[in-house]
Each structure stands twice: as C-alpha cells, then as structure tokens.
Amino acid sequence: MRAGVAQASVAGVWIVPGKGPVADIVSDAGGDLEPIDDEHGELYVSRTLSAEGRSRASVGGRAAPAGVLSALADQLVVVHGQSEQLRLRSTAAQRDALDRFGGEQISVALSAYSAAFARWRELDAEITEITQNHDRRAEEAGRLREALALIEATAPETGEDAALAERAERLSNAEELRSAASLARGALSSEEGEPDASALVAEARRALERAADPALAEISEGMADVGYRITDLAVQLSAYLADLDETGPHELAAVEERRAALTTLIRAHGSLDEALELWQTGSARLAELDDDGDRLDRLHEERDSARVSVDDRAAVLTAARTEAAGRLGTAVTEELRALAMPDARLEVAVRAGGESTHGRDDVAILLAPHPGAEPRSVAKSASGGELSRVMLAIEVVIASTDPVPTFVFDEVDAGIGGAAAIEVGRRLARLAETSQVIAVTHLAQVAAFASNHLSVVKANDGAVTASSVRRLEGTEREAEMARLLSGLTDSDAALTHARELLSLAV
C-alpha cells in the first residue's frame, strides 16, 4: 500500500467450472458464480486493505474471511518466480508436483491413507491420554461417585430451593399472618354477630330494593355481586387460616432441614441447576471412567486394526506414486530435449521416508544434465537457467492431468537466452492453449509467442511512484520487441529481427 493513502483494493474475475473444488469453496463461503453456460460461471473476487490494517474480502458477492481467498488461490493460480524455483528445491514441493501429475489415482490413494492415518493417531492419542492419566481419572471417578450418591440421596427438584425459601418465610411469620387473616375475615364476615362488611352490604341492598325507583335496580344488582364476592373472599381466608393451623412449627422444622440438605448441594456445585445437570450427565461420565480397563483393551484392538489399514493404504499410495514417477520422469525428459537440454535426463525417485499425513514417501526430483552424469538432486545439479526450464517442463507436463485456470511466470526465463529462450516461449504458448498464462519477461524470444502484449512502466513525479500498464499493438509491439532485442526502438536491424520473431511465433 502506498504511504499516505487510506486503503488499497484489488479485484479479479475468473471463468471457472460450475462444479468442482472452486465452486464448492465459493458455495461454502455463501457466494455464487454468475452462470455463463451450462458448464461454466464467472467468479468475482475482491479484497480491500485499510491503512489501519483492517481487511475486507468478497467472494462471489458475499463477504468472506481472508482464509477463503487463500483456499481459492491454491485452485485458481499457480505462481512461478525466482522464489518458486527455490521452492522446487524442497522435498515437499517435489512431492506435491508428483501428486498433481498422478491425478485422481494418487488423490484417491492419498485421501484413503490420510483418513486411515488420522484415525490411527486419534486412537493412539486416546490410549496415551487414558494411560498417562490413570491416577487422575481414578480420582475423578471417586469424586464423581460420591457427588452422584449425595445428589441421588437428596433427590432435588428444579426450583425447589426457591419454593422452600418462600414456604419458610411464610411459616416463620405464621402468627402475624394468622392475626392479619383473622382480622380481615372478621371484617368481611363475623361469626360473633359483630357488624361486618357482608351484613352492611346486605342491608344496603335491602334498602335499595325497598325503594320504588327503577334507576336503583341496577345498583342493587351490583350490591348483590359485591355480597357474593365478599362471601368468596371470606371463604378463602378461612381456608388460609385452616392451612396455617394444620402446618404449624413442625413443618417449619422439616422445611429448614430440607433447605439445609439443598444448601449442601448448592455449595458443592455452585447452584441447584448445576447439581441437577450433573445428576443427568454424570452417570455416563462415571461409566466411561469405570470402563477404562475394558476400554483400553478395545482401543488397543482398534488401533492394531487401524495400523494394518494404514500399512495397506500406504503401500497403495507408494505404488501409485512410483508408477506416476516413472511417467513423469519420461515426459519431463522429453520436454527438456525441446528446451535446449537434449542430453538431460530427469528422474523422479520415490523412497521410503518418515510417516506423516502425506504418506511414507520421500520424493526427489533428480537431474542428470549430460551423458555420464549421475542423477543428482535438482537442487544441487541444476543452474538457475536449467532450473527454470525444469520447472517449466514439469508445469507443462502436469497441466495435461491437473490443469489450473491461471499461471503466472515471473521471469521464468532468467539465466537463459537464444534458442533455449525460443523453446521456453513455445512451451508457454502451448500451456496457454488450456490455461491463462501471464508471463513477465525481458526476453523478446519469449515475448514473441504471447497473443497479448502489455507494457509495464514505472515512473515518478518526485513525490509518488506509479506503474502504468498499456496494451501494445501493431508497430508499437514491434518497437518494444526491438527495444528488448537491442535497446533501440528505431533500429532497422532490430525491427527486422523483431518481425522475424513475431512471424516465427504465429
């Protein structure tokens, strides 16, 4: 990002198959492909980075994590530059190259092996965890058994602690409650002949009934309803007083005893709800802990079976890689002959290596650059120019079985020239028949084979440095080719040579 700007954005559009790994990644991210035909769609991808470091990515019209872009990049673009040539020196990159060439046969074998290996590691880790933590698990089982026994003996119910607290509060104030309820009942309906609300309402109703005014009839009916309501309330208060008389101090003692038992559980587990949850789930955990001995026997049997599966599938994967290695070595050797390395021979060796999720194979790409030379690691036997051609030859061969939508070659022709550069251009053009190829080059012999030329020029005004991209056609294209050849844009000899190269590439 240029200093002083608020944000930088980049966007791209790819034409991709409507079904396959790319479509699956986009769908999982919630995005969509814009349909082009029955088999292809357009994928829109963008990313914006702010000066504060915030990032926003979009995949198929939906916001997505930056990790989704990384997953898509592995499927959409292969970048080759000087750093990628160095990466080819690593055994992991060489193994990946062989696996890509092997196609579905190796992919299926690798998936089967990886699943078996993951299962074996899972079982081995479980056995290790049980074995190393035997004492801790035994102590956990003892504590859990005691806790469950106490909970089961107490047999709590959901919300019981709150209900008992309310009941205890009521029983503790029984006399005060009895006095208030008795006074209220007496005021509504006295059994001792004292004036009460019921009698007063009845007297008022009789007075209204004796009156001859029809307007008072409705009020009289209302008085009747009030009388019935007073009677109902008096009955309820009588029932309340009877309940207080029946419970008494002995129930308060029982309630407090029960609350004490619940308090013990609450202190041990944090809350009554947590104690109840443990009561529901703890038995399964206790059964698991108590089953450690038999479980270990079962796990050992499963692990032994998983190991056999790993061995079998590793052998299948090794066989698939070995077969593909022979074909890859032969095909790349043929390509190298066309890339001005007629005596070079490339071999792909599959050797026994350490066990990992990728199998048990160490893959080494070996190069014998001339007759009589022993094949040695490409990292040690290839010069920079030779490594560029080996890398290009491998990509051209692999593209026949594992095509990628876009290749970016950043000065893949470094360290070569002349006839070798022309053959590099031919191979890039051949690769462009099935994929989009973007090549950054300073060699006219390579540029001549491109169907589209873009001139990238960097300039500055003393404050800001900017790069411009301009498409070259016709005489501009010839002039730029001449400049690459001789440094001159108006040299007749250079222009003639440029036209010759362009005609060669047609």
Protein backbone atom coordinates (compact mmCIF):
# COMPACT_ATOMS: atom_id res chain seq x y z
CA MET A 1 0.00 0.00 0.00
CA ARG A 2 1.34 3.42 -0.94
CA ALA A 3 2.24 5.62 2.02
CA GLY A 4 -0.39 8.21 2.86
CA VAL A 5 -3.38 6.50 1.20
CA ALA A 6 -6.43 5.34 3.15
CA GLN A 7 -6.85 1.95 1.50
CA ALA A 8 -5.86 -0.34 -1.34
CA SER A 9 -8.19 -2.61 -3.29
CA VAL A 10 -7.77 -5.39 -5.81
CA ALA A 11 -10.42 -7.36 -7.70
CA GLY A 12 -10.42 -10.20 -10.18
CA VAL A 13 -12.78 -12.19 -12.38
CA TRP A 14 -12.27 -15.86 -13.26
CA ILE A 15 -14.18 -18.15 -15.58
CA VAL A 16 -14.37 -21.45 -13.71
CA PRO A 17 -16.23 -24.78 -13.97
CA GLY A 18 -19.72 -24.68 -12.49
CA LYS A 19 -18.92 -27.81 -10.49
CA GLY A 20 -15.72 -28.77 -8.72
CA PRO A 21 -13.41 -27.62 -5.91
CA VAL A 22 -13.67 -23.90 -6.73
CA ALA A 23 -17.47 -23.96 -6.89
CA ASP A 24 -17.56 -25.89 -3.59
CA ILE A 25 -15.35 -23.33 -1.81
CA VAL A 26 -17.47 -20.44 -3.11
CA SER A 27 -20.69 -22.18 -2.07
CA ASP A 28 -19.35 -22.93 1.42
CA ALA A 29 -18.50 -19.22 1.77
CA GLY A 30 -22.07 -18.29 0.83
CA GLY A 31 -21.14 -16.85 -2.56
CA ASP A 32 -22.41 -17.59 -6.06
CA LEU A 33 -20.99 -17.98 -9.56
CA GLU A 34 -22.55 -15.92 -12.32
CA PRO A 35 -23.67 -18.53 -14.90
CA ILE A 36 -22.15 -18.25 -18.36
CA ASP A 37 -23.36 -21.54 -19.83
CA ASP A 38 -24.30 -25.00 -18.59
CA GLU A 39 -20.74 -25.81 -17.52
CA HIS A 40 -19.02 -22.52 -16.56
CA GLY A 41 -19.55 -19.44 -14.46
CA GLU A 42 -17.82 -16.18 -13.63
CA LEU A 43 -16.30 -15.78 -10.17
CA TYR A 44 -15.82 -12.26 -8.77
CA VAL A 45 -13.22 -11.89 -6.02
CA SER A 46 -12.02 -8.73 -4.27
CA ARG A 47 -10.07 -7.63 -1.24
CA THR A 48 -9.65 -4.23 0.42
CA LEU A 49 -6.97 -3.36 2.96
CA SER A 50 -7.13 -0.16 5.03
CA ALA A 51 -4.24 1.85 6.40
CA GLU A 52 -5.28 0.74 9.91
CA GLY A 53 -4.74 -2.88 8.90
CA ARG A 54 -8.40 -3.85 8.55
CA SER A 55 -9.12 -6.26 5.72
CA ARG A 56 -12.34 -6.98 3.84
CA ALA A 57 -12.72 -9.75 1.29
CA SER A 58 -15.56 -10.65 -1.04
CA VAL A 59 -16.08 -13.99 -2.80
CA GLY A 60 -18.92 -14.45 -5.26
CA GLY A 61 -20.75 -11.38 -3.96
CA ARG A 62 -20.53 -12.31 -0.27
CA ALA A 63 -18.12 -11.17 2.45
CA ALA A 64 -15.66 -13.91 3.33
CA PRO A 65 -12.61 -14.45 5.58
CA ALA A 66 -9.20 -13.93 4.02
CA GLY A 67 -8.58 -17.66 4.53
CA VAL A 68 -11.18 -18.40 1.86
CA LEU A 69 -9.10 -16.36 -0.62
CA SER A 70 -6.06 -18.47 0.24
CA ALA A 71 -8.03 -21.67 -0.38
CA LEU A 72 -9.25 -20.31 -3.73
CA ALA A 73 -5.77 -19.16 -4.71
CA ASP A 74 -4.49 -22.75 -4.48
CA GLN A 75 -7.15 -23.76 -7.02
CA LEU A 76 -7.07 -20.73 -9.32
CA VAL A 77 -3.46 -19.58 -9.69
CA VAL A 78 0.00 -21.12 -9.89
CA VAL A 79 2.76 -18.53 -9.49
CA HIS A 80 6.31 -19.22 -10.62
CA GLY A 81 9.16 -16.84 -10.00
CA GLN A 82 12.67 -16.94 -8.61
CA SER A 83 11.32 -17.73 -5.14
CA GLU A 84 9.15 -20.53 -6.57
CA GLN A 85 12.18 -22.00 -8.32
CA LEU A 86 13.85 -22.16 -4.93
CA ARG A 87 10.71 -23.79 -3.54
CA LEU A 88 11.08 -26.56 -6.13
CA ARG A 89 14.26 -27.47 -4.30
CA SER A 90 12.23 -28.62 -1.27
CA THR A 91 11.13 -32.23 -0.98
CA ALA A 92 7.58 -31.16 -0.10
CA ALA A 93 7.25 -29.16 -3.34
CA GLN A 94 8.65 -32.06 -5.35
CA ARG A 95 6.18 -34.47 -3.73
CA ASP A 96 3.31 -32.06 -4.48
CA ALA A 97 4.41 -31.87 -8.12
CA LEU A 98 4.34 -35.66 -8.42
CA ASP A 99 0.95 -35.89 -6.70
CA ARG A 100 -0.51 -33.29 -9.07
CA PHE A 101 0.77 -35.24 -12.05
CA GLY A 102 -0.58 -38.51 -10.67
CA GLY A 103 -4.08 -37.06 -10.75
CA GLU A 104 -7.06 -38.97 -9.39
CA GLN A 105 -5.18 -42.22 -8.81
CA ILE A 106 -2.82 -40.60 -6.31
CA SER A 107 -5.51 -38.26 -4.97
CA VAL A 108 -7.81 -41.16 -4.06
CA ALA A 109 -4.96 -43.19 -2.56
CA LEU A 110 -3.73 -40.18 -0.56
CA SER A 111 -7.20 -39.40 0.78
CA ALA A 112 -7.69 -43.01 1.87
CA TYR A 113 -4.28 -43.10 3.53
CA SER A 114 -4.76 -39.72 5.26
CA ALA A 115 -8.12 -40.84 6.70
CA ALA A 116 -6.62 -44.10 7.99
CA PHE A 117 -3.59 -42.33 9.43
CA ALA A 118 -5.77 -39.72 11.16
CA ARG A 119 -7.89 -42.49 12.71
CA TRP A 120 -4.78 -44.32 13.93
CA ARG A 121 -3.41 -41.14 15.51
CA GLU A 122 -6.75 -40.43 17.17
CA LEU A 123 -6.84 -43.90 18.75
CA ASP A 124 -3.18 -43.69 19.78
CA ALA A 125 -3.74 -40.30 21.43
CA GLU A 126 -6.77 -41.65 23.30
CA ILE A 127 -4.79 -44.62 24.61
CA THR A 128 -1.96 -42.32 25.68
CA GLU A 129 -4.38 -39.98 27.46
CA ILE A 130 -6.01 -42.81 29.42
CA THR A 131 -2.70 -44.48 30.28
CA GLN A 132 -0.85 -41.33 31.35
CA ASN A 133 -3.76 -40.01 33.36
CA HIS A 134 -4.84 -43.23 35.06
CA ASP A 135 -4.49 -41.89 38.63
CA ARG A 136 -6.21 -38.61 37.78
CA ARG A 137 -9.08 -40.43 36.12
CA ALA A 138 -9.43 -42.78 39.12
CA GLU A 139 -9.63 -39.78 41.47
CA GLU A 140 -12.19 -38.14 39.21
CA ALA A 141 -14.28 -41.32 39.27
CA GLY A 142 -14.18 -41.40 43.09
CA ARG A 143 -15.23 -37.77 43.42
CA LEU A 144 -17.96 -38.19 40.83
CA ARG A 145 -19.31 -41.33 42.54
CA GLU A 146 -19.58 -39.52 45.90
CA ALA A 147 -21.20 -36.48 44.33
CA LEU A 148 -23.78 -38.56 42.48
CA ALA A 149 -24.57 -40.57 45.61
CA LEU A 150 -25.26 -37.37 47.58
CA ILE A 151 -27.38 -35.88 44.80
CA GLU A 152 -29.35 -39.10 44.42
CA ALA A 153 -29.93 -39.33 48.18
CA THR A 154 -31.16 -35.74 48.25
CA ALA A 155 -33.21 -36.08 45.03
CA PRO A 156 -33.66 -32.34 44.41
CA GLU A 157 -36.25 -30.89 42.08
CA THR A 158 -35.92 -27.91 39.75
CA GLY A 159 -36.73 -24.65 41.57
CA GLU A 160 -37.18 -26.44 44.90
CA ASP A 161 -34.77 -24.15 46.78
CA ALA A 162 -36.73 -21.02 45.83
CA ALA A 163 -40.07 -22.64 46.71
CA LEU A 164 -38.81 -23.77 50.12
CA ALA A 165 -37.41 -20.32 50.88
CA GLU A 166 -40.83 -18.83 50.21
CA ARG A 167 -42.51 -21.50 52.37
CA ALA A 168 -40.08 -20.96 55.24
CA GLU A 169 -40.69 -17.23 55.16
CA ARG A 170 -44.41 -17.85 55.41
CA LEU A 171 -44.13 -20.33 58.28
CA SER A 172 -41.75 -18.12 60.23
CA ASN A 173 -44.38 -15.36 60.27
CA ALA A 174 -47.34 -17.65 60.96
CA GLU A 175 -48.70 -15.73 63.99
CA GLU A 176 -48.54 -12.39 62.26
CA LEU A 177 -50.17 -13.89 59.19
CA ARG A 178 -52.87 -15.60 61.28
CA SER A 179 -53.69 -12.32 63.03
CA ALA A 180 -53.94 -10.40 59.76
CA ALA A 181 -56.04 -13.08 58.08
CA SER A 182 -58.39 -13.39 61.10
CA LEU A 183 -58.90 -9.63 61.30
CA ALA A 184 -59.65 -9.49 57.57
CA ARG A 185 -62.06 -12.41 57.72
CA GLY A 186 -63.87 -10.88 60.73
CA ALA A 187 -64.24 -7.59 58.89
CA LEU A 188 -65.78 -9.38 55.92
CA SER A 189 -67.88 -11.96 57.75
CA SER A 190 -68.06 -12.08 61.55
CA GLU A 191 -69.22 -15.29 63.27
CA GLU A 192 -69.88 -13.48 66.57
CA GLY A 193 -72.70 -11.20 65.48
CA GLU A 194 -70.43 -8.15 65.13
CA PRO A 195 -71.14 -5.73 62.25
CA ASP A 196 -69.22 -6.84 59.15
CA ALA A 197 -68.94 -5.96 55.50
CA SER A 198 -71.25 -8.78 54.45
CA ALA A 199 -74.04 -7.56 56.73
CA LEU A 200 -73.59 -3.93 55.75
CA VAL A 201 -73.75 -4.74 52.02
CA ALA A 202 -76.86 -6.89 52.58
CA GLU A 203 -78.54 -4.04 54.48
CA ALA A 204 -77.67 -1.57 51.72
CA ARG A 205 -79.10 -3.90 49.10
CA ARG A 206 -82.40 -4.31 51.05
CA ALA A 207 -82.70 -0.53 51.34
CA LEU A 208 -82.35 -0.15 47.57
CA GLU A 209 -84.83 -2.92 46.90
CA ARG A 210 -87.45 -1.18 49.09
CA ALA A 211 -87.10 2.00 47.04
CA ALA A 212 -89.56 2.37 44.18
CA ASP A 213 -87.08 3.99 41.75
CA PRO A 214 -86.20 1.69 38.81
CA ALA A 215 -82.91 3.55 38.41
CA LEU A 216 -81.70 1.94 41.66
CA ALA A 217 -82.36 -1.63 40.42
CA GLU A 218 -79.05 -1.83 38.55
CA ILE A 219 -77.17 -0.59 41.59
CA SER A 220 -78.99 -3.17 43.71
CA GLU A 221 -77.78 -5.95 41.39
CA GLY A 222 -74.25 -4.62 41.75
CA MET A 223 -74.64 -4.78 45.52
CA ALA A 224 -75.60 -8.46 45.13
CA ASP A 225 -72.38 -9.14 43.19
CA VAL A 226 -70.35 -7.37 45.89
CA GLY A 227 -72.02 -9.54 48.51
CA TYR A 228 -71.14 -12.74 46.65
CA ARG A 229 -67.52 -11.57 46.23
CA ILE A 230 -67.23 -10.74 49.95
CA THR A 231 -68.52 -14.22 50.80
CA ASP A 232 -65.93 -15.85 48.45
CA LEU A 233 -63.08 -13.85 49.97
CA ALA A 234 -64.19 -14.79 53.45
CA VAL A 235 -64.18 -18.48 52.48
CA GLN A 236 -60.65 -18.16 51.06
CA LEU A 237 -59.39 -16.51 54.25
CA SER A 238 -60.94 -19.32 56.31
CA ALA A 239 -59.12 -21.93 54.18
CA TYR A 240 -55.85 -19.99 54.57
CA LEU A 241 -56.28 -19.93 58.39
CA ALA A 242 -57.07 -23.65 58.43
CA ASP A 243 -53.85 -24.38 56.48
CA LEU A 244 -51.81 -22.34 58.98
CA ASP A 245 -53.37 -24.24 61.85
CA GLU A 246 -52.61 -27.62 60.27
CA THR A 247 -48.92 -26.93 59.42
CA GLY A 248 -47.54 -25.19 62.46
CA PRO A 249 -43.98 -25.30 63.84
CA HIS A 250 -43.32 -28.94 62.97
CA GLU A 251 -43.49 -28.19 59.23
CA LEU A 252 -41.11 -25.25 59.61
CA ALA A 253 -38.51 -27.60 61.09
CA ALA A 254 -38.93 -30.03 58.19
CA VAL A 255 -38.63 -27.23 55.65
CA GLU A 256 -35.44 -25.91 57.24
CA GLU A 257 -33.96 -29.40 57.32
CA ARG A 258 -34.68 -29.84 53.61
CA ARG A 259 -33.22 -26.43 52.82
CA ALA A 260 -30.01 -27.40 54.65
CA ALA A 261 -29.68 -30.52 52.50
CA LEU A 262 -30.15 -28.47 49.34
CA THR A 263 -27.64 -25.87 50.55
CA THR A 264 -25.02 -28.61 50.82
CA LEU A 265 -25.54 -29.44 47.15
CA ILE A 266 -25.51 -25.79 46.13
CA ARG A 267 -22.20 -25.18 47.92
CA ALA A 268 -20.68 -28.23 46.25
CA HIS A 269 -21.84 -27.47 42.71
CA GLY A 270 -22.48 -23.72 42.56
CA SER A 271 -26.23 -23.91 42.05
CA LEU A 272 -29.07 -26.37 42.29
CA ASP A 273 -29.38 -26.36 38.47
CA GLU A 274 -25.73 -27.41 38.10
CA ALA A 275 -26.25 -30.22 40.59
CA LEU A 276 -29.28 -31.40 38.62
CA GLU A 277 -27.29 -31.25 35.37
CA LEU A 278 -24.52 -33.36 36.89
CA TRP A 279 -27.17 -35.85 38.07
CA GLN A 280 -28.35 -36.18 34.48
CA THR A 281 -24.95 -36.41 32.76
CA GLY A 282 -22.57 -37.70 35.43
CA SER A 283 -23.60 -41.33 35.16
CA ALA A 284 -22.37 -41.58 31.58
CA ARG A 285 -19.02 -40.00 32.53
CA LEU A 286 -18.68 -42.32 35.54
CA ALA A 287 -19.42 -45.33 33.36
CA GLU A 288 -16.72 -44.16 30.95
CA LEU A 289 -14.16 -43.75 33.74
CA ASP A 290 -15.03 -47.09 35.34
CA ASP A 291 -14.69 -48.76 31.94
CA ASP A 292 -11.05 -47.70 31.45
CA GLY A 293 -9.68 -51.24 31.67
CA ASP A 294 -12.03 -52.82 29.15
CA ARG A 295 -11.92 -49.66 27.07
CA LEU A 296 -8.14 -49.83 26.80
CA ASP A 297 -8.40 -53.41 25.53
CA ARG A 298 -10.92 -52.35 22.92
CA LEU A 299 -8.83 -49.32 21.92
CA HIS A 300 -5.70 -51.43 21.51
CA GLU A 301 -7.60 -53.78 19.22
CA GLU A 302 -8.94 -50.85 17.20
CA ARG A 303 -5.50 -49.25 16.99
CA ASP A 304 -3.91 -52.50 15.80
CA SER A 305 -6.61 -52.78 13.13
CA ALA A 306 -6.09 -49.12 12.18
CA ARG A 307 -2.34 -49.72 11.87
CA VAL A 308 -2.95 -52.56 9.41
CA SER A 309 -5.20 -50.23 7.40
CA VAL A 310 -2.50 -47.52 7.43
CA ASP A 311 0.11 -50.03 6.24
CA ASP A 312 -2.12 -51.28 3.42
CA ARG A 313 -3.10 -47.84 2.22
CA ALA A 314 0.46 -46.52 2.49
CA ALA A 315 1.57 -49.35 0.22
CA VAL A 316 -1.14 -48.47 -2.31
CA LEU A 317 -0.09 -44.80 -2.21
CA THR A 318 3.59 -45.68 -2.67
CA ALA A 319 2.75 -47.91 -5.62
CA ALA A 320 0.68 -45.14 -7.24
CA ARG A 321 3.47 -42.61 -6.74
CA THR A 322 6.11 -44.98 -8.07
CA GLU A 323 4.13 -45.65 -11.21
CA ALA A 324 3.44 -41.94 -11.76
CA ALA A 325 7.10 -41.09 -11.04
CA GLY A 326 8.24 -43.18 -13.99
CA ARG A 327 5.78 -41.50 -16.35
CA LEU A 328 6.61 -38.01 -15.04
CA GLY A 329 10.36 -38.53 -15.46
CA THR A 330 9.95 -39.74 -19.04
CA ALA A 331 7.58 -36.93 -20.02
CA VAL A 332 9.70 -34.16 -18.48
CA THR A 333 12.86 -35.56 -20.09
CA GLU A 334 11.15 -35.27 -23.48
CA GLU A 335 10.22 -31.67 -22.72
CA LEU A 336 13.78 -30.82 -21.67
CA ARG A 337 15.08 -32.00 -25.03
CA ALA A 338 12.84 -29.44 -26.68
CA LEU A 339 14.08 -26.80 -24.22
CA ALA A 340 17.69 -26.98 -25.44
CA MET A 341 18.71 -29.61 -22.89
CA PRO A 342 18.92 -32.56 -25.34
CA ASP A 343 21.18 -34.71 -23.19
CA ALA A 344 19.47 -34.07 -19.86
CA ARG A 345 17.61 -36.84 -18.10
CA LEU A 346 15.14 -36.29 -15.28
CA GLU A 347 14.18 -38.98 -12.82
CA VAL A 348 11.65 -38.90 -10.00
CA ALA A 349 12.69 -41.13 -7.12
CA VAL A 350 10.20 -42.40 -4.57
CA ARG A 351 11.97 -43.61 -1.44
CA ALA A 352 10.92 -44.77 1.99
CA GLY A 353 10.69 -41.84 4.37
CA GLY A 354 9.17 -40.76 7.63
CA GLU A 355 5.47 -41.31 8.29
CA SER A 356 3.21 -38.27 8.05
CA THR A 357 -0.22 -37.25 6.82
CA HIS A 358 1.28 -37.22 3.30
CA GLY A 359 2.35 -40.86 3.40
CA ARG A 360 5.66 -42.62 3.96
CA ASP A 361 7.40 -41.47 0.81
CA ASP A 362 10.25 -39.06 0.23
CA VAL A 363 10.05 -37.79 -3.34
CA ALA A 364 13.17 -36.43 -5.02
CA ILE A 365 13.41 -34.91 -8.50
CA LEU A 366 16.84 -35.87 -9.85
CA LEU A 367 18.58 -34.38 -12.87
CA ALA A 368 21.46 -35.72 -14.95
CA PRO A 369 22.29 -32.66 -17.10
CA HIS A 370 24.58 -34.54 -19.54
CA PRO A 371 25.51 -38.10 -20.50
CA GLY A 372 27.63 -39.96 -18.00
CA ALA A 373 26.47 -37.80 -15.08
CA GLU A 374 24.76 -39.48 -12.18
CA PRO A 375 21.28 -38.14 -11.48
CA ARG A 376 21.52 -35.77 -8.55
CA SER A 377 19.02 -33.65 -6.68
CA VAL A 378 17.78 -30.83 -8.88
CA ALA A 379 18.71 -28.51 -6.04
CA LYS A 380 22.39 -29.42 -6.49
CA SER A 381 22.75 -30.29 -10.17
CA ALA A 382 20.77 -27.53 -11.90
CA SER A 383 21.89 -23.98 -12.60
CA GLY A 384 19.41 -21.10 -12.40
CA GLY A 385 18.59 -21.31 -16.10
CA GLU A 386 18.34 -25.10 -16.02
CA LEU A 387 16.08 -24.95 -13.00
CA SER A 388 13.81 -22.51 -14.85
CA ARG A 389 13.46 -24.91 -17.74
CA VAL A 390 12.95 -27.94 -15.46
CA MET A 391 10.21 -26.08 -13.65
CA LEU A 392 8.51 -25.05 -16.90
CA ALA A 393 8.79 -28.58 -18.31
CA ILE A 394 7.19 -30.01 -15.18
CA GLU A 395 4.31 -27.50 -15.33
CA VAL A 396 3.67 -28.23 -19.00
CA VAL A 397 3.53 -31.98 -18.31
CA ILE A 398 1.40 -31.65 -15.18
CA ALA A 399 -1.07 -29.36 -16.95
CA SER A 400 -2.19 -32.34 -19.05
CA THR A 401 -3.58 -34.07 -15.93
CA ASP A 402 -4.12 -31.24 -13.43
CA PRO A 403 -4.94 -28.01 -15.31
CA VAL A 404 -5.00 -24.72 -13.40
CA PRO A 405 -7.04 -21.71 -14.64
CA THR A 406 -4.16 -19.22 -14.38
CA PHE A 407 -0.36 -19.46 -14.44
CA VAL A 408 1.86 -16.51 -13.55
CA PHE A 409 5.50 -16.80 -14.60
CA ASP A 410 7.73 -14.07 -13.20
CA GLU A 411 10.94 -14.09 -15.25
CA VAL A 412 10.88 -17.86 -15.63
CA ASP A 413 13.40 -17.31 -18.43
CA ALA A 414 16.06 -15.88 -16.10
CA GLY A 415 19.50 -17.23 -16.91
CA ILE A 416 18.70 -18.45 -20.42
CA GLY A 417 18.67 -16.99 -23.92
CA GLY A 418 18.98 -17.77 -27.61
CA ALA A 419 17.40 -21.00 -28.82
CA ALA A 420 16.51 -22.08 -25.28
CA ALA A 421 14.51 -18.88 -24.81
CA ILE A 422 12.58 -19.54 -28.02
CA GLU A 423 11.64 -23.02 -26.80
CA VAL A 424 10.56 -21.56 -23.46
CA GLY A 425 8.27 -19.25 -25.40
CA ARG A 426 6.88 -22.19 -27.37
CA ARG A 427 6.12 -24.12 -24.17
CA LEU A 428 4.41 -21.11 -22.59
CA ALA A 429 2.26 -20.76 -25.69
CA ARG A 430 1.40 -24.45 -25.54
CA LEU A 431 0.44 -24.10 -21.88
CA ALA A 432 -1.75 -21.13 -22.83
CA GLU A 433 -3.89 -23.40 -25.01
CA THR A 434 -5.60 -24.79 -21.87
CA SER A 435 -4.91 -22.09 -19.25
CA GLN A 436 -4.43 -18.37 -18.99
CA VAL A 437 -0.70 -17.65 -18.87
CA ILE A 438 0.72 -14.37 -17.61
CA ALA A 439 4.47 -14.08 -18.20
CA VAL A 440 6.74 -11.29 -17.03
CA THR A 441 9.82 -11.31 -19.25
CA HIS A 442 12.66 -9.20 -20.60
CA LEU A 443 13.40 -11.59 -23.47
CA ALA A 444 11.97 -10.85 -26.87
CA GLN A 445 12.29 -14.55 -27.79
CA VAL A 446 9.76 -15.38 -25.07
CA ALA A 447 7.51 -12.34 -25.53
CA ALA A 448 7.13 -13.09 -29.23
CA PHE A 449 4.92 -16.11 -28.51
CA ALA A 450 2.36 -14.14 -26.49
CA SER A 451 -1.01 -13.30 -28.04
CA ASN A 452 -1.36 -10.14 -25.97
CA HIS A 453 1.43 -7.73 -25.01
CA LEU A 454 1.28 -5.30 -22.11
CA SER A 455 3.99 -2.76 -21.38
CA VAL A 456 4.51 -2.06 -17.68
CA VAL A 457 6.34 1.19 -16.98
CA LYS A 458 7.23 2.65 -13.60
CA ALA A 459 7.54 6.43 -13.28
CA ASN A 460 7.57 9.07 -10.56
CA ASP A 461 6.90 12.77 -10.29
CA GLY A 462 9.27 13.30 -7.38
CA ALA A 463 6.62 12.54 -4.80
CA VAL A 464 4.73 9.47 -5.97
CA THR A 465 5.97 6.41 -7.87
CA ALA A 466 3.30 4.77 -10.03
CA SER A 467 3.21 1.93 -12.53
CA SER A 468 1.22 2.14 -15.74
CA VAL A 469 0.07 -0.74 -17.93
CA ARG A 470 -0.56 -0.22 -21.65
CA ARG A 471 -1.51 -2.69 -24.34
CA LEU A 472 0.83 -2.78 -27.33
CA GLU A 473 -0.35 -3.48 -30.85
CA GLY A 474 0.99 -3.18 -34.38
CA THR A 475 4.10 -1.05 -34.75
CA GLU A 476 4.25 -0.33 -31.00
CA ARG A 477 4.54 -4.04 -30.37
CA GLU A 478 7.33 -4.36 -32.94
CA ALA A 479 9.16 -1.35 -31.47
CA GLU A 480 9.02 -2.78 -27.95
CA MET A 481 10.32 -6.12 -29.23
CA ALA A 482 13.15 -4.28 -30.96
CA ARG A 483 13.94 -2.47 -27.70
CA LEU A 484 14.12 -5.77 -25.86
CA LEU A 485 16.49 -7.11 -28.51
CA SER A 486 18.86 -4.17 -28.89
CA GLY A 487 17.83 -1.40 -26.54
CA LEU A 488 16.79 0.66 -29.61
CA THR A 489 13.23 1.18 -30.86
CA ASP A 490 14.09 2.62 -34.27
CA SER A 491 16.91 0.31 -35.38
CA ASP A 492 16.04 -1.23 -38.75
CA ALA A 493 18.03 -4.37 -37.93
CA ALA A 494 16.31 -4.74 -34.56
CA LEU A 495 12.87 -4.14 -36.10
CA THR A 496 13.57 -6.73 -38.77
CA HIS A 497 14.63 -9.22 -36.14
CA ALA A 498 11.52 -8.41 -34.07
CA ARG A 499 9.25 -9.02 -37.06
CA GLU A 500 11.06 -12.29 -37.73
CA LEU A 501 10.45 -13.44 -34.15
CA LEU A 502 6.79 -12.46 -34.28
CA SER A 503 6.29 -14.34 -37.54
CA LEU A 504 8.04 -17.37 -36.02
CA ALA A 505 5.51 -17.44 -33.20
CA VAL A 506 2.45 -17.37 -35.47
